[in-house]
Amino acid sequence: MKKVCVVTGTRAEFGLMYWLIKYLDEDPDLELQIIVTGMHLSPEFGLTYKDIEKEGFKISRKIEILLSSDTEVGICKSMGLALISFSEAFQDLSPDIVVLLGDRFEIFSAAAAAMIGKVPVAHLHGGEATEGLIDEPIRHSVTKMSHLHFTATEVYRKRVIQMGEHPSRVFNVGTPGLDNIYKLDLLDRASLEKSIGFKLNRRNLLITFHPVTLESNTAEGQFKELLIAVDGLEETNLIFTKPNSDTNGRIIINLIDSYVAKNPEKACAFTSLGQLRYLSALKHVDAVLGNSSSGLTEAPSFKIATIDIGDRQKGRLKAMSVISCEPEERSIRQAIETAFSKDFKEKLHSVKNPYGEGGASEKIIKILKEFDYSDILKKKFYDINYKIKE
């Protein structure tokens, strides 16, 4: 029986992997291990490890790494503590393979600990580009420390191969997060309003804005521009979801709390909506506003507009439903006007999601079960320009 260890550090990450984790747990030929870390264990971010337990999953290890700081030094200290703790956890759990998603700093530490501990790594969402973030070099670093790769598009699969990973180990499966859209029984409008304790208006925006971590001290100014842009909108309500524990993330959290306190009739905010309520909100709002990856990967499946602000997602594949704009009030207002326009709404009927149509979790499970791990740790650099002599 193969022991498959899944690491999760955020509510969003767990949501993307929910069905993969569920299928792993239900498969009689696989033993699921779950390591919970990061924001899941923070009271400030909702103690979302409890949501994992409510789903019936057994947590194998809880690794505390999130210090009370969102500065560069604080995050580096968290990474160091994570590296120590993951090395001990992998030694104790002795997994056959570790499954990691994405590009956050705690995922980098998990990959490094697994590499040194000679534990194979399966990486989800490699090959992507986010030119404004520290996530970009972290993601590519995790790719080079990994042994199996599950990408969200064929473009990303080719990019992983370009980085020297052998094609036989790189699989385009789509994004597993889309499985939630097709498998969850999403809430109707009235049920969503009751669940979040907030009435929707004639038009509604779902807003998620994170700091651009390769920029210095821009979070406050950019988010204030966003608030100015949305403040004067008529018959439009706002649902804010708060940012992750990125550098300067608390600045945005404080601005959200202040705005909602002053405008309770038209704005509400949540530390964590959870996958059911978040996707249900996507079903009923008119557009997604901010710079979250969900606006690119999930929103197109609902055929709604995404207003993508600034450089955080620069470099990612974008559906025609995505409107890019600068992080300043006038540009954001113009993008909102475009999203609400009759012509643009008509175009949305034909939008296709470049990240697939679901089914990624089953594909990943099949490969994890069938792949031979006996000689997986040693990798040869696959050069796309010429064939290396054996």
Protein backbone atom coordinates (compact mmCIF):
# COMPACT_ATOMS: atom_id res chain seq x y z
CA MET A 1 0.00 0.00 0.00
CA LYS A 2 1.51 3.33 -1.06
CA LYS A 3 1.56 6.04 1.58
CA VAL A 4 0.66 9.39 -0.01
CA CYS A 5 1.31 12.47 2.11
CA VAL A 6 -0.54 15.69 1.21
CA VAL A 7 0.72 19.00 2.60
CA THR A 8 -1.67 21.95 2.94
CA GLY A 9 -1.05 25.38 4.39
CA THR A 10 -4.03 27.51 3.29
CA ARG A 11 -7.80 27.30 2.97
CA ALA A 12 -7.61 27.94 -0.77
CA GLU A 13 -5.02 25.23 -1.33
CA PHE A 14 -7.06 22.65 0.59
CA GLY A 15 -10.12 23.60 -1.44
CA LEU A 16 -8.27 23.04 -4.69
CA MET A 17 -7.15 19.60 -3.52
CA TYR A 18 -10.36 18.57 -1.77
CA TRP A 19 -11.47 15.89 -4.23
CA LEU A 20 -7.94 14.59 -4.68
CA ILE A 21 -7.67 14.18 -0.89
CA LYS A 22 -11.12 12.59 -0.72
CA TYR A 23 -10.30 10.04 -3.44
CA LEU A 24 -6.97 9.25 -1.78
CA ASP A 25 -8.77 8.65 1.50
CA GLU A 26 -11.34 6.36 -0.11
CA ASP A 27 -8.91 4.30 -2.20
CA PRO A 28 -8.20 0.90 -0.57
CA ASP A 29 -4.80 0.68 -2.26
CA LEU A 30 -3.52 3.98 -0.86
CA GLU A 31 -2.87 5.27 2.64
CA LEU A 32 -3.56 8.98 3.03
CA GLN A 33 -1.42 11.16 5.28
CA ILE A 34 -2.23 14.86 5.78
CA ILE A 35 0.18 17.44 7.12
CA VAL A 36 -1.47 20.72 8.07
CA THR A 37 0.56 23.88 8.51
CA GLY A 38 0.64 27.65 7.95
CA MET A 39 -2.60 29.61 7.98
CA HIS A 40 -4.67 26.54 8.88
CA LEU A 41 -3.29 26.74 12.44
CA SER A 42 -3.64 30.50 12.91
CA PRO A 43 -6.56 32.00 14.89
CA GLU A 44 -6.11 35.18 12.85
CA PHE A 45 -6.87 33.27 9.65
CA GLY A 46 -9.76 31.23 11.01
CA LEU A 47 -8.17 28.01 12.37
CA THR A 48 -9.25 26.31 9.17
CA TYR A 49 -7.70 22.97 10.14
CA LYS A 50 -11.04 22.45 11.89
CA ASP A 51 -12.77 22.51 8.48
CA ILE A 52 -10.50 19.68 7.36
CA GLU A 53 -11.46 17.64 10.42
CA LYS A 54 -15.16 18.43 9.87
CA GLU A 55 -14.86 16.84 6.43
CA GLY A 56 -13.91 13.60 8.19
CA PHE A 57 -10.19 13.62 7.33
CA LYS A 58 -7.61 12.55 9.88
CA ILE A 59 -4.72 14.99 10.23
CA SER A 60 -1.41 13.15 10.57
CA ARG A 61 0.68 16.13 11.71
CA LYS A 62 0.13 19.78 12.61
CA ILE A 63 3.22 21.86 11.95
CA GLU A 64 3.24 25.34 13.51
CA ILE A 65 5.29 27.77 11.41
CA LEU A 66 3.26 30.96 11.10
CA LEU A 67 4.89 33.65 13.20
CA SER A 68 3.08 36.85 14.14
CA SER A 69 4.69 38.81 11.34
CA ASP A 70 4.15 39.42 7.64
CA THR A 71 7.54 41.05 7.08
CA GLU A 72 10.28 39.60 4.87
CA VAL A 73 12.31 38.60 7.95
CA GLY A 74 9.27 37.05 9.62
CA ILE A 75 8.45 34.94 6.57
CA CYS A 76 12.07 33.78 6.26
CA LYS A 77 11.98 32.69 9.91
CA SER A 78 8.75 30.79 9.21
CA MET A 79 10.45 29.03 6.29
CA GLY A 80 13.34 27.99 8.51
CA LEU A 81 11.05 26.62 11.20
CA ALA A 82 9.05 24.82 8.52
CA LEU A 83 12.15 23.16 7.07
CA ILE A 84 13.10 21.76 10.48
CA SER A 85 9.58 20.56 11.24
CA PHE A 86 8.87 18.99 7.85
CA SER A 87 12.12 17.02 7.97
CA GLU A 88 11.06 15.52 11.30
CA ALA A 89 7.51 14.81 10.09
CA PHE A 90 8.68 13.04 6.92
CA GLN A 91 11.09 10.92 8.92
CA ASP A 92 8.30 9.88 11.30
CA LEU A 93 5.58 9.32 8.69
CA SER A 94 7.86 7.72 6.08
CA PRO A 95 5.61 8.49 3.08
CA ASP A 96 6.20 6.93 -0.33
CA ILE A 97 5.45 10.26 -2.01
CA VAL A 98 4.58 13.80 -0.92
CA VAL A 99 1.95 15.81 -2.83
CA LEU A 100 2.48 19.57 -2.97
CA LEU A 101 0.43 22.24 -4.72
CA GLY A 102 1.67 25.56 -5.94
CA ASP A 103 4.22 28.04 -4.80
CA ARG A 104 3.87 29.38 -1.26
CA PHE A 105 6.87 29.69 1.01
CA GLU A 106 5.86 26.80 3.29
CA ILE A 107 5.56 24.56 0.23
CA PHE A 108 9.16 25.42 -0.70
CA SER A 109 10.29 24.28 2.77
CA ALA A 110 8.28 21.05 2.46
CA ALA A 111 9.86 20.31 -0.93
CA ALA A 112 13.37 21.00 0.36
CA ALA A 113 12.86 18.75 3.39
CA ALA A 114 11.49 15.95 1.19
CA MET A 115 14.40 16.27 -1.25
CA ILE A 116 17.02 16.01 1.50
CA GLY A 117 15.05 13.18 3.12
CA LYS A 118 14.95 11.23 -0.18
CA VAL A 119 11.16 11.35 -0.35
CA PRO A 120 9.68 11.66 -3.88
CA VAL A 121 7.54 14.74 -4.56
CA ALA A 122 4.51 15.11 -6.84
CA HIS A 123 3.94 18.76 -7.71
CA LEU A 124 0.65 20.31 -8.84
CA HIS A 125 0.40 23.55 -10.83
CA GLY A 126 4.01 23.77 -11.95
CA GLY A 127 5.14 25.63 -15.05
CA GLU A 128 2.97 28.68 -14.41
CA ALA A 129 4.09 32.29 -14.41
CA THR A 130 3.32 35.06 -11.92
CA GLU A 131 5.85 37.73 -12.68
CA GLY A 132 4.97 40.05 -9.81
CA LEU A 133 5.46 37.54 -7.00
CA ILE A 134 8.03 35.61 -5.02
CA ASP A 135 5.78 32.68 -5.94
CA GLU A 136 7.40 32.61 -9.40
CA PRO A 137 10.92 31.49 -8.35
CA ILE A 138 9.49 29.37 -5.54
CA ARG A 139 7.25 27.50 -7.98
CA HIS A 140 10.08 26.78 -10.40
CA SER A 141 12.35 25.72 -7.53
CA VAL A 142 9.73 23.25 -6.31
CA THR A 143 9.50 21.90 -9.86
CA LYS A 144 13.22 21.09 -9.85
CA MET A 145 12.90 19.37 -6.46
CA SER A 146 9.94 17.28 -7.65
CA HIS A 147 9.70 13.96 -9.47
CA LEU A 148 6.15 13.87 -10.85
CA HIS A 149 4.43 16.91 -12.31
CA PHE A 150 0.72 17.57 -12.78
CA THR A 151 0.16 20.74 -14.78
CA ALA A 152 -3.01 22.70 -15.45
CA THR A 153 -2.55 23.29 -19.19
CA GLU A 154 -0.47 21.96 -22.09
CA VAL A 155 1.44 25.25 -22.22
CA TYR A 156 2.52 24.72 -18.62
CA ARG A 157 3.40 21.09 -19.31
CA LYS A 158 5.77 22.17 -22.08
CA ARG A 159 7.32 24.78 -19.78
CA VAL A 160 8.07 22.16 -17.12
CA ILE A 161 9.72 20.01 -19.80
CA GLN A 162 11.67 23.07 -20.92
CA MET A 163 13.04 23.22 -17.37
CA GLY A 164 14.63 19.81 -17.88
CA GLU A 165 11.94 17.47 -16.57
CA HIS A 166 11.42 14.30 -18.60
CA PRO A 167 8.13 14.23 -20.58
CA SER A 168 7.27 10.80 -19.16
CA ARG A 169 6.96 12.42 -15.73
CA VAL A 170 4.96 15.50 -16.73
CA PHE A 171 1.17 15.19 -17.08
CA ASN A 172 -1.34 17.80 -18.22
CA VAL A 173 -4.42 17.05 -16.11
CA GLY A 174 -6.07 20.46 -15.76
CA THR A 175 -6.60 22.16 -12.42
CA PRO A 176 -8.11 19.95 -9.69
CA GLY A 177 -9.89 22.98 -8.25
CA LEU A 178 -12.45 22.82 -11.07
CA ASP A 179 -13.67 19.46 -9.75
CA ASN A 180 -15.48 21.36 -6.99
CA ILE A 181 -17.58 23.23 -9.52
CA TYR A 182 -18.93 20.04 -11.07
CA LYS A 183 -19.21 17.93 -7.91
CA LEU A 184 -20.47 20.30 -5.22
CA ASP A 185 -24.18 21.15 -4.89
CA LEU A 186 -23.79 24.92 -5.01
CA LEU A 187 -26.10 27.19 -3.02
CA ASP A 188 -28.94 29.08 -4.67
CA ARG A 189 -29.10 32.87 -4.20
CA ALA A 190 -31.34 32.80 -1.13
CA SER A 191 -29.31 30.07 0.57
CA LEU A 192 -26.07 31.93 -0.09
CA GLU A 193 -27.51 35.14 1.38
CA LYS A 194 -28.61 33.26 4.49
CA SER A 195 -25.25 31.50 4.82
CA ILE A 196 -23.20 34.71 4.66
CA GLY A 197 -25.74 36.89 6.47
CA PHE A 198 -25.75 39.46 3.69
CA LYS A 199 -28.25 40.50 1.02
CA LEU A 200 -27.10 40.70 -2.58
CA ASN A 201 -27.97 43.73 -4.69
CA ARG A 202 -28.85 44.22 -8.36
CA ARG A 203 -25.14 43.90 -9.12
CA ASN A 204 -22.45 42.31 -6.96
CA LEU A 205 -18.67 42.01 -6.91
CA LEU A 206 -16.53 39.37 -5.23
CA ILE A 207 -13.26 41.04 -4.24
CA THR A 208 -9.97 39.35 -3.34
CA PHE A 209 -6.79 41.40 -3.40
CA HIS A 210 -3.35 40.21 -2.28
CA PRO A 211 -0.05 42.12 -1.98
CA VAL A 212 2.26 41.99 -4.99
CA THR A 213 5.22 40.51 -3.14
CA LEU A 214 7.98 41.57 -5.54
CA GLU A 215 6.97 45.20 -5.10
CA SER A 216 7.93 47.29 -2.07
CA ASN A 217 5.24 48.96 0.03
CA THR A 218 2.57 49.11 -2.70
CA ALA A 219 -0.17 47.10 -0.94
CA GLU A 220 -1.77 50.01 0.92
CA GLY A 221 -1.78 52.44 -1.98
CA GLN A 222 -3.09 49.93 -4.52
CA PHE A 223 -5.88 48.69 -2.28
CA LYS A 224 -6.97 52.25 -1.47
CA GLU A 225 -7.25 52.88 -5.22
CA LEU A 226 -9.49 49.80 -5.45
CA LEU A 227 -11.70 51.05 -2.62
CA ILE A 228 -12.07 54.46 -4.26
CA ALA A 229 -13.04 52.78 -7.54
CA VAL A 230 -15.82 50.68 -6.02
CA ASP A 231 -17.08 53.15 -3.44
CA GLY A 232 -19.24 55.16 -5.83
CA LEU A 233 -20.85 52.23 -7.65
CA GLU A 234 -24.64 52.33 -7.57
CA GLU A 235 -26.81 49.30 -6.70
CA THR A 236 -23.64 47.24 -6.29
CA ASN A 237 -22.75 45.21 -3.21
CA LEU A 238 -19.29 44.00 -2.31
CA ILE A 239 -18.14 40.69 -0.84
CA PHE A 240 -14.53 40.83 0.35
CA THR A 241 -12.41 37.78 1.07
CA LYS A 242 -9.28 38.58 3.04
CA PRO A 243 -5.73 37.94 1.77
CA ASN A 244 -3.30 35.20 2.73
CA SER A 245 -0.33 35.61 5.08
CA ASP A 246 1.79 37.29 2.43
CA THR A 247 4.14 40.19 3.04
CA ASN A 248 2.05 43.24 4.11
CA GLY A 249 -1.16 41.23 3.98
CA ARG A 250 -2.30 42.65 7.32
CA ILE A 251 -2.36 46.14 5.82
CA ILE A 252 -5.08 45.03 3.39
CA ILE A 253 -6.97 43.17 6.13
CA ASN A 254 -7.14 46.34 8.24
CA LEU A 255 -8.35 48.40 5.27
CA ILE A 256 -11.08 45.85 4.53
CA ASP A 257 -12.26 45.79 8.14
CA SER A 258 -12.37 49.58 8.26
CA TYR A 259 -14.32 49.87 4.99
CA VAL A 260 -16.89 47.22 5.93
CA ALA A 261 -17.41 48.82 9.36
CA LYS A 262 -18.25 52.12 7.64
CA ASN A 263 -20.38 50.52 4.89
CA PRO A 264 -22.22 47.53 6.41
CA GLU A 265 -25.23 47.99 4.14
CA LYS A 266 -23.23 47.34 0.97
CA ALA A 267 -20.12 45.41 2.02
CA CYS A 268 -19.21 42.31 3.98
CA ALA A 269 -15.90 40.50 4.56
CA PHE A 270 -14.74 36.98 5.38
CA THR A 271 -11.47 35.47 6.51
CA SER A 272 -12.55 32.22 4.89
CA LEU A 273 -15.71 31.54 2.90
CA GLY A 274 -14.80 27.91 2.27
CA GLN A 275 -15.13 26.25 -1.12
CA LEU A 276 -18.92 25.81 -1.09
CA ARG A 277 -19.74 29.41 -0.26
CA TYR A 278 -16.93 30.84 -2.39
CA LEU A 279 -17.96 28.94 -5.50
CA SER A 280 -21.62 29.67 -4.79
CA ALA A 281 -20.71 33.35 -4.64
CA LEU A 282 -19.04 33.03 -8.05
CA LYS A 283 -22.30 31.61 -9.34
CA HIS A 284 -24.31 34.67 -8.24
CA VAL A 285 -21.99 37.69 -8.56
CA ASP A 286 -21.50 39.72 -11.73
CA ALA A 287 -17.71 39.82 -11.62
CA VAL A 288 -14.58 38.97 -9.66
CA LEU A 289 -12.37 41.92 -8.80
CA GLY A 290 -8.79 41.85 -7.51
CA ASN A 291 -5.71 39.80 -8.27
CA SER A 292 -6.46 36.28 -7.05
CA SER A 293 -5.65 33.26 -9.20
CA SER A 294 -9.25 32.04 -8.76
CA GLY A 295 -10.36 34.84 -11.06
CA LEU A 296 -8.33 33.21 -13.81
CA THR A 297 -8.77 29.50 -13.06
CA GLU A 298 -12.30 29.17 -11.66
CA ALA A 299 -14.32 32.27 -12.58
CA PRO A 300 -14.28 31.56 -16.37
CA SER A 301 -16.20 28.34 -15.73
CA PHE A 302 -19.09 30.46 -14.41
CA LYS A 303 -18.96 32.70 -17.50
CA ILE A 304 -18.54 35.85 -15.45
CA ALA A 305 -16.05 38.68 -15.84
CA THR A 306 -12.76 38.87 -13.98
CA ILE A 307 -11.12 42.25 -13.41
CA ASP A 308 -7.46 41.45 -12.87
CA ILE A 309 -5.59 44.33 -11.23
CA GLY A 310 -1.86 44.92 -11.55
CA ASP A 311 1.03 42.49 -11.97
CA ARG A 312 0.33 39.74 -9.44
CA GLN A 313 -1.05 37.36 -12.09
CA LYS A 314 1.01 38.73 -14.97
CA GLY A 315 2.20 35.84 -17.15
CA ARG A 316 -0.67 33.42 -16.50
CA LEU A 317 -2.94 32.16 -19.27
CA LYS A 318 -6.14 34.20 -19.29
CA ALA A 319 -9.57 33.51 -20.76
CA MET A 320 -11.31 36.21 -22.80
CA SER A 321 -13.47 36.90 -19.73
CA VAL A 322 -10.46 38.45 -17.95
CA ILE A 323 -10.04 42.23 -18.14
CA SER A 324 -6.58 43.42 -17.09
CA CYS A 325 -6.11 46.89 -15.63
CA GLU A 326 -3.64 49.02 -13.73
CA PRO A 327 -3.81 49.33 -9.92
CA GLU A 328 -5.22 52.85 -10.01
CA GLU A 329 -8.75 54.16 -9.61
CA ARG A 330 -9.45 55.32 -13.17
CA SER A 331 -8.23 52.11 -14.79
CA ILE A 332 -10.17 49.96 -12.33
CA ARG A 333 -13.36 51.97 -12.91
CA GLN A 334 -13.00 51.61 -16.68
CA ALA A 335 -12.55 47.85 -16.29
CA ILE A 336 -15.68 47.62 -14.11
CA GLU A 337 -17.67 49.58 -16.69
CA THR A 338 -16.48 47.17 -19.38
CA ALA A 339 -17.43 44.14 -17.27
CA PHE A 340 -20.93 45.52 -16.68
CA SER A 341 -21.46 46.50 -20.32
CA LYS A 342 -24.04 44.72 -22.47
CA ASP A 343 -21.56 43.86 -25.22
CA PHE A 344 -19.06 42.25 -22.87
CA LYS A 345 -21.76 40.27 -21.07
CA GLU A 346 -22.91 38.85 -24.40
CA LYS A 347 -19.36 37.71 -25.18
CA LEU A 348 -19.20 35.84 -21.87
CA HIS A 349 -21.65 33.22 -23.14
CA SER A 350 -18.93 31.75 -25.38
CA VAL A 351 -16.02 31.90 -22.92
CA LYS A 352 -13.94 28.73 -22.50
CA ASN A 353 -11.83 27.98 -19.46
CA PRO A 354 -8.19 27.31 -20.50
CA TYR A 355 -7.68 25.32 -17.30
CA GLY A 356 -9.95 22.44 -18.22
CA GLU A 357 -13.40 21.13 -17.46
CA GLY A 358 -12.85 19.06 -14.32
CA GLY A 359 -11.71 15.48 -13.79
CA ALA A 360 -8.13 16.30 -12.77
CA SER A 361 -8.32 14.56 -9.40
CA GLU A 362 -9.18 11.16 -10.88
CA LYS A 363 -6.34 11.48 -13.41
CA ILE A 364 -3.82 12.30 -10.67
CA ILE A 365 -4.95 9.38 -8.50
CA LYS A 366 -4.57 6.94 -11.40
CA ILE A 367 -1.00 8.08 -12.11
CA LEU A 368 0.00 8.07 -8.42
CA LYS A 369 -1.22 4.48 -8.15
CA GLU A 370 0.35 3.16 -11.34
CA PHE A 371 3.70 4.95 -11.42
CA ASP A 372 6.74 2.93 -10.33
CA TYR A 373 8.54 4.78 -7.51
CA SER A 374 11.45 2.34 -7.23
CA ASP A 375 13.93 4.48 -9.20
CA ILE A 376 12.16 7.83 -9.15
CA LEU A 377 14.64 9.88 -7.12
CA LYS A 378 17.42 9.99 -9.71
CA LYS A 379 16.59 12.39 -12.54
CA LYS A 380 18.42 13.12 -15.77
CA PHE A 381 18.14 16.61 -17.19
CA TYR A 382 15.97 16.42 -20.29
CA ASP A 383 17.42 18.81 -22.85
CA ILE A 384 14.88 19.89 -25.46
CA ASN A 385 17.60 20.99 -27.89
CA TYR A 386 19.49 17.75 -28.28
CA LYS A 387 19.39 14.18 -27.11
CA ILE A 388 21.88 13.44 -24.37
CA LYS A 389 23.92 10.30 -25.06
CA GLU A 390 23.23 7.52 -22.64
